[in-house]
Amino acid sequence: MFKLVSSIVIFAGVLGCSTSANAQATPSDVLVSVETAQNELRLLYDADMQEVPSAKVTSSAPRRPRHVYFKAREVYQKVKALKEMNGLTMADLPEVPKREIRPTEVKELVDNIRKNLGDIKAKYFVVSEATTAAKKNGKGPTDVYLGLTYTSQLIDGLDMPNVVPNDVYRVALAVLEEARVISRAQNGSRSEAELELVATGKKPVDVYNNGETLLNLISDMSQNKEGYEIPAGVVLPNRPSGNITPGHVMDLMSNTLAELSALKAKLGIAESAANQPAQAGKTPSNVFDVIETTKAVLSGI
């Protein structure tokens, strides 16, 4: 009996230490997990006899943990698709926390990504263990965001299909449904504004421009509507140079989802609609329409 009680006490102590460590996670800790995940991917590149590409994106607007978390969700979905391409399964995305995102939630999600990347190695006949990245002190959420952006790029290089409107539509639909959740909770007049697919001939650049308009609307709400203040304010993106791609629109929609998540936390709204099912047969015009409807829903609050 004494041994049983002692074992329980020891286990509880270890669990408590682990929980405490997670609660105290910093962006530097999260970056270790991100860069270790990149090392897992480098092993796959070596097995595939491919050269590891350099990072395409090296700067970003200042980011908060919420933006990093939703970027990690993007990467999670890509890892899930990569596993499925290799005949493996992966759990669906976890529910989004019902409060302002902290580094600990980001680390938990990235650790999950890293583990699942490790599961793929056998399919590439890789037996080596990935090197654990060295900790770099003084890093912030923006550094982690850029690290995840590079991780996403590395996954793309493993014969992954490009981001297409179906992928973007899924995230845009999550943005719309989160807007509806907020509107219903606040008795908005247009919570159930009907989604009408009426736009035609839209290109990714048109969708991106409309997405910027939506993000500015959320920013105005946060600045001018009492009780709607988002911590540190809505972060407006640095516009990508060159041709706008569906991947750029996906990034914009993910960051918009992060801002709405923070707004829900501020308003004390627990309901979540961030996890939406896979989509098919969608075009940039369809995504444009979803953004238009989201603007109408938020304008009714």
Protein backbone atom coordinates (compact mmCIF):
# COMPACT_ATOMS: atom_id res chain seq x y z
CA MET A 1 0.00 0.00 0.00
CA PHE A 2 2.84 2.36 0.91
CA LYS A 3 4.51 1.64 -2.45
CA LEU A 4 1.25 2.37 -4.30
CA VAL A 5 0.73 5.68 -2.52
CA SER A 6 4.37 6.61 -3.06
CA SER A 7 4.08 5.85 -6.77
CA ILE A 8 0.98 8.01 -7.06
CA VAL A 9 2.70 10.88 -5.25
CA ILE A 10 5.79 10.59 -7.47
CA PHE A 11 3.66 10.45 -10.64
CA ALA A 12 1.64 13.47 -9.52
CA GLY A 13 4.85 15.33 -8.80
CA VAL A 14 6.26 14.56 -12.24
CA LEU A 15 2.98 15.53 -13.90
CA GLY A 16 2.91 18.75 -11.89
CA CYS A 17 6.45 19.60 -12.97
CA SER A 18 5.57 18.91 -16.60
CA THR A 19 2.45 21.08 -16.43
CA SER A 20 4.43 23.82 -14.72
CA ALA A 21 7.11 23.66 -17.41
CA ASN A 22 4.49 23.92 -20.15
CA ALA A 23 2.83 26.84 -18.40
CA GLN A 24 6.15 28.65 -18.39
CA ALA A 25 6.99 27.94 -22.04
CA THR A 26 8.53 30.88 -23.86
CA PRO A 27 8.78 31.63 -27.58
CA SER A 28 12.40 30.43 -27.39
CA ASP A 29 11.14 27.06 -26.10
CA VAL A 30 8.60 26.85 -28.92
CA LEU A 31 11.27 27.69 -31.48
CA VAL A 32 13.30 24.68 -30.30
CA SER A 33 10.33 22.45 -31.19
CA VAL A 34 9.84 24.20 -34.54
CA GLU A 35 13.48 23.87 -35.55
CA THR A 36 13.62 20.26 -34.37
CA ALA A 37 10.60 19.57 -36.61
CA GLN A 38 12.60 21.15 -39.44
CA ASN A 39 15.43 18.73 -38.66
CA GLU A 40 12.94 15.86 -39.03
CA LEU A 41 12.08 17.22 -42.46
CA ARG A 42 15.76 17.54 -43.39
CA LEU A 43 16.12 13.80 -42.82
CA LEU A 44 13.30 13.23 -45.32
CA TYR A 45 14.99 15.53 -47.82
CA ASP A 46 18.24 13.59 -47.43
CA ALA A 47 16.43 10.28 -47.95
CA ASP A 48 14.74 11.73 -51.03
CA MET A 49 18.15 12.99 -52.28
CA GLN A 50 16.85 16.53 -52.46
CA GLU A 51 18.66 19.72 -51.56
CA VAL A 52 17.08 21.50 -48.59
CA PRO A 53 15.80 24.88 -49.84
CA SER A 54 16.55 28.19 -48.16
CA ALA A 55 13.71 30.12 -46.53
CA LYS A 56 11.69 32.21 -48.99
CA VAL A 57 10.05 34.37 -46.31
CA THR A 58 12.41 36.11 -43.90
CA SER A 59 10.30 38.96 -42.48
CA SER A 60 6.83 39.43 -41.07
CA ALA A 61 4.62 41.97 -39.36
CA PRO A 62 5.04 41.66 -35.57
CA ARG A 63 3.17 38.60 -34.36
CA ARG A 64 1.48 37.53 -31.15
CA PRO A 65 1.10 33.94 -29.84
CA ARG A 66 -2.39 33.78 -31.36
CA HIS A 67 -1.00 34.32 -34.88
CA VAL A 68 1.69 31.71 -34.28
CA TYR A 69 -0.92 29.21 -33.06
CA PHE A 70 -3.04 29.59 -36.18
CA LYS A 71 0.04 29.34 -38.40
CA ALA A 72 0.84 26.10 -36.56
CA ARG A 73 -2.69 24.90 -37.40
CA GLU A 74 -1.89 25.47 -41.09
CA VAL A 75 1.28 23.40 -40.74
CA TYR A 76 -0.63 20.71 -38.82
CA GLN A 77 -3.04 20.30 -41.74
CA LYS A 78 -0.13 19.96 -44.17
CA VAL A 79 1.52 17.30 -42.01
CA LYS A 80 -1.81 15.47 -41.87
CA ALA A 81 -1.99 15.54 -45.68
CA LEU A 82 1.64 14.37 -45.95
CA LYS A 83 0.93 11.44 -43.64
CA GLU A 84 -2.17 10.49 -45.63
CA MET A 85 -0.10 10.59 -48.84
CA ASN A 86 2.17 8.04 -47.18
CA GLY A 87 -0.66 5.78 -46.04
CA LEU A 88 -0.68 7.00 -42.43
CA THR A 89 -3.37 8.62 -40.32
CA MET A 90 -3.32 11.65 -38.05
CA ALA A 91 -5.90 13.04 -35.65
CA ASP A 92 -7.97 16.05 -36.65
CA LEU A 93 -7.01 19.46 -35.34
CA PRO A 94 -7.65 19.96 -31.62
CA GLU A 95 -10.18 22.54 -30.50
CA VAL A 96 -8.91 26.10 -30.20
CA PRO A 97 -8.39 27.18 -26.55
CA LYS A 98 -11.22 29.32 -25.18
CA ARG A 99 -8.93 32.13 -24.01
CA GLU A 100 -6.14 34.29 -25.35
CA ILE A 101 -3.48 31.96 -26.77
CA ARG A 102 -0.26 31.50 -24.78
CA PRO A 103 3.10 30.05 -25.88
CA THR A 104 2.28 26.82 -24.01
CA GLU A 105 -0.63 26.06 -26.37
CA VAL A 106 1.58 26.78 -29.36
CA LYS A 107 4.28 24.45 -28.02
CA GLU A 108 1.79 21.63 -27.45
CA LEU A 109 0.60 21.91 -31.05
CA VAL A 110 4.13 22.13 -32.47
CA ASP A 111 5.26 19.15 -30.36
CA ASN A 112 2.39 17.21 -31.90
CA ILE A 113 3.53 18.28 -35.38
CA ARG A 114 7.10 17.21 -34.61
CA LYS A 115 5.98 13.78 -33.36
CA ASN A 116 3.85 13.15 -36.43
CA LEU A 117 6.69 14.12 -38.76
CA GLY A 118 8.82 11.54 -36.94
CA ASP A 119 6.18 8.92 -37.73
CA ILE A 120 6.70 9.47 -41.47
CA LYS A 121 10.43 8.62 -41.42
CA ALA A 122 9.88 4.87 -41.74
CA LYS A 123 8.16 5.46 -45.08
CA TYR A 124 11.41 7.06 -46.29
CA PHE A 125 13.49 4.23 -44.74
CA VAL A 126 15.01 6.73 -42.30
CA VAL A 127 16.20 5.30 -38.98
CA SER A 128 18.22 8.29 -37.74
CA GLU A 129 16.92 10.47 -34.93
CA ALA A 130 16.54 14.15 -35.68
CA THR A 131 18.93 16.46 -33.88
CA THR A 132 17.26 18.52 -31.18
CA ALA A 133 17.71 22.17 -32.08
CA ALA A 134 19.75 24.40 -29.79
CA LYS A 135 17.78 26.89 -27.72
CA LYS A 136 18.16 30.51 -28.82
CA ASN A 137 17.37 32.91 -26.02
CA GLY A 138 15.56 36.18 -26.52
CA LYS A 139 13.28 35.01 -29.32
CA GLY A 140 9.74 36.28 -29.74
CA PRO A 141 6.50 35.16 -31.39
CA THR A 142 7.51 36.67 -34.73
CA ASP A 143 10.62 34.46 -34.83
CA VAL A 144 8.47 31.39 -34.18
CA TYR A 145 5.97 32.50 -36.84
CA LEU A 146 8.76 32.76 -39.41
CA GLY A 147 10.09 29.38 -38.30
CA LEU A 148 6.69 27.82 -38.91
CA THR A 149 6.45 29.55 -42.28
CA TYR A 150 9.73 27.89 -43.26
CA THR A 151 8.51 24.55 -41.90
CA SER A 152 5.47 24.88 -44.14
CA GLN A 153 7.74 25.59 -47.11
CA LEU A 154 9.82 22.48 -46.34
CA ILE A 155 6.71 20.31 -46.27
CA ASP A 156 5.63 21.76 -49.62
CA GLY A 157 8.94 20.62 -51.12
CA LEU A 158 8.16 16.97 -50.43
CA ASP A 159 5.96 16.60 -53.52
CA MET A 160 2.98 18.12 -51.71
CA PRO A 161 0.20 19.59 -53.87
CA ASN A 162 0.00 23.37 -53.90
CA VAL A 163 -2.50 25.24 -51.75
CA VAL A 164 -5.71 25.50 -53.79
CA PRO A 165 -8.98 27.42 -53.36
CA ASN A 166 -10.55 24.42 -51.57
CA ASP A 167 -7.94 24.80 -48.80
CA VAL A 168 -8.45 28.55 -48.57
CA TYR A 169 -12.23 28.20 -48.58
CA ARG A 170 -12.05 25.92 -45.55
CA VAL A 171 -10.24 28.57 -43.51
CA ALA A 172 -12.40 31.41 -44.87
CA LEU A 173 -15.50 29.44 -43.88
CA ALA A 174 -14.08 29.11 -40.37
CA VAL A 175 -13.66 32.91 -40.32
CA LEU A 176 -17.29 33.37 -41.35
CA GLU A 177 -18.62 30.89 -38.80
CA GLU A 178 -16.53 32.44 -36.00
CA ALA A 179 -17.97 35.83 -37.00
CA ARG A 180 -21.46 34.32 -36.75
CA VAL A 181 -20.64 32.95 -33.28
CA ILE A 182 -19.60 36.44 -32.14
CA SER A 183 -22.61 38.08 -33.77
CA ARG A 184 -25.10 35.68 -32.18
CA ALA A 185 -23.51 36.14 -28.75
CA GLN A 186 -23.75 39.91 -29.14
CA ASN A 187 -27.25 39.88 -30.64
CA GLY A 188 -26.01 41.15 -33.98
CA SER A 189 -28.68 42.00 -36.52
CA ARG A 190 -27.09 40.02 -39.39
CA SER A 191 -25.88 36.87 -37.65
CA GLU A 192 -27.63 34.66 -40.18
CA ALA A 193 -26.84 36.69 -43.31
CA GLU A 194 -27.13 34.19 -46.14
CA LEU A 195 -23.99 33.15 -47.99
CA GLU A 196 -24.70 33.79 -51.67
CA LEU A 197 -22.18 32.63 -54.24
CA VAL A 198 -22.46 35.48 -56.74
CA ALA A 199 -18.93 36.71 -57.52
CA THR A 200 -17.33 35.54 -60.76
CA GLY A 201 -13.91 35.75 -62.34
CA LYS A 202 -12.09 36.62 -59.13
CA LYS A 203 -8.37 35.95 -58.85
CA PRO A 204 -6.32 35.40 -55.68
CA VAL A 205 -5.26 39.06 -55.70
CA ASP A 206 -8.93 40.13 -55.61
CA VAL A 207 -9.60 37.79 -52.72
CA TYR A 208 -6.53 39.04 -50.85
CA ASN A 209 -7.63 42.66 -51.30
CA ASN A 210 -11.07 41.80 -49.95
CA GLY A 211 -9.47 39.95 -47.04
CA GLU A 212 -7.46 43.06 -46.19
CA THR A 213 -10.71 45.03 -46.12
CA LEU A 214 -12.19 42.48 -43.69
CA LEU A 215 -9.15 42.64 -41.41
CA ASN A 216 -9.35 46.44 -41.39
CA LEU A 217 -13.01 46.18 -40.41
CA ILE A 218 -12.07 43.96 -37.45
CA SER A 219 -9.33 46.43 -36.54
CA ASP A 220 -11.83 49.31 -36.56
CA MET A 221 -14.19 47.33 -34.33
CA SER A 222 -11.39 46.62 -31.89
CA GLN A 223 -10.32 50.26 -31.74
CA ASN A 224 -13.70 51.97 -31.69
CA LYS A 225 -16.23 49.61 -30.10
CA GLU A 226 -16.22 49.55 -26.31
CA GLY A 227 -15.36 46.16 -24.87
CA TYR A 228 -14.01 44.82 -28.17
CA GLU A 229 -10.35 45.69 -27.59
CA ILE A 230 -8.11 42.89 -28.89
CA PRO A 231 -4.86 42.55 -26.87
CA ALA A 232 -2.09 44.56 -28.60
CA GLY A 233 -4.56 45.39 -31.39
CA VAL A 234 -5.22 43.75 -34.73
CA VAL A 235 -1.98 43.14 -36.63
CA LEU A 236 -2.19 44.22 -40.26
CA PRO A 237 0.03 42.13 -42.53
CA ASN A 238 2.95 43.10 -44.71
CA ARG A 239 1.59 42.68 -48.20
CA PRO A 240 3.48 39.98 -50.13
CA SER A 241 5.57 41.12 -53.07
CA GLY A 242 5.01 39.65 -56.51
CA ASN A 243 2.02 37.60 -57.59
CA ILE A 244 -0.57 36.83 -54.93
CA THR A 245 -1.14 33.09 -54.58
CA PRO A 246 -3.80 31.02 -52.76
CA GLY A 247 -1.12 30.38 -50.11
CA HIS A 248 -0.92 34.12 -49.40
CA VAL A 249 -4.70 34.28 -49.04
CA MET A 250 -4.59 31.27 -46.71
CA ASP A 251 -2.05 33.05 -44.53
CA LEU A 252 -4.25 36.16 -44.40
CA MET A 253 -7.33 34.13 -43.49
CA SER A 254 -5.45 32.25 -40.75
CA ASN A 255 -4.36 35.53 -39.20
CA THR A 256 -7.92 36.85 -39.44
CA LEU A 257 -9.09 33.72 -37.63
CA ALA A 258 -6.52 34.45 -34.93
CA GLU A 259 -7.89 37.97 -34.43
CA LEU A 260 -11.48 36.71 -34.15
CA SER A 261 -10.32 34.08 -31.65
CA ALA A 262 -8.77 36.84 -29.53
CA LEU A 263 -11.96 38.89 -29.81
CA LYS A 264 -14.04 35.93 -28.61
CA ALA A 265 -11.70 35.51 -25.65
CA LYS A 266 -12.10 39.20 -24.84
CA LEU A 267 -15.90 38.89 -24.99
CA GLY A 268 -15.92 35.65 -22.97
CA ILE A 269 -17.40 33.55 -25.80
CA ALA A 270 -16.59 29.84 -25.44
CA GLU A 271 -18.32 28.47 -28.56
CA SER A 272 -15.93 27.64 -31.39
CA ALA A 273 -16.42 27.09 -35.11
CA ALA A 274 -12.73 27.21 -36.09
CA ASN A 275 -12.61 23.56 -37.23
CA GLN A 276 -14.43 23.24 -40.54
CA PRO A 277 -14.60 20.18 -42.83
CA ALA A 278 -12.59 19.74 -46.02
CA GLN A 279 -14.07 21.42 -49.07
CA ALA A 280 -14.28 20.57 -52.76
CA GLY A 281 -15.05 22.33 -56.03
CA LYS A 282 -14.31 25.84 -54.76
CA THR A 283 -12.89 28.80 -56.69
CA PRO A 284 -11.33 32.13 -55.69
CA SER A 285 -14.73 33.72 -56.37
CA ASN A 286 -16.32 31.44 -53.76
CA VAL A 287 -13.74 32.54 -51.19
CA PHE A 288 -14.43 36.18 -52.15
CA ASP A 289 -18.14 35.60 -51.42
CA VAL A 290 -17.41 34.11 -48.00
CA ILE A 291 -15.36 37.19 -47.09
CA GLU A 292 -18.17 39.47 -48.31
CA THR A 293 -20.66 37.64 -46.10
CA THR A 294 -18.31 37.84 -43.12
CA LYS A 295 -18.09 41.61 -43.55
CA ALA A 296 -21.90 41.81 -43.58
CA VAL A 297 -22.19 39.70 -40.42
CA LEU A 298 -19.66 41.79 -38.48
CA SER A 299 -21.15 45.06 -39.71
CA GLY A 300 -24.42 44.07 -38.06
CA ILE A 301 -22.96 43.96 -34.56
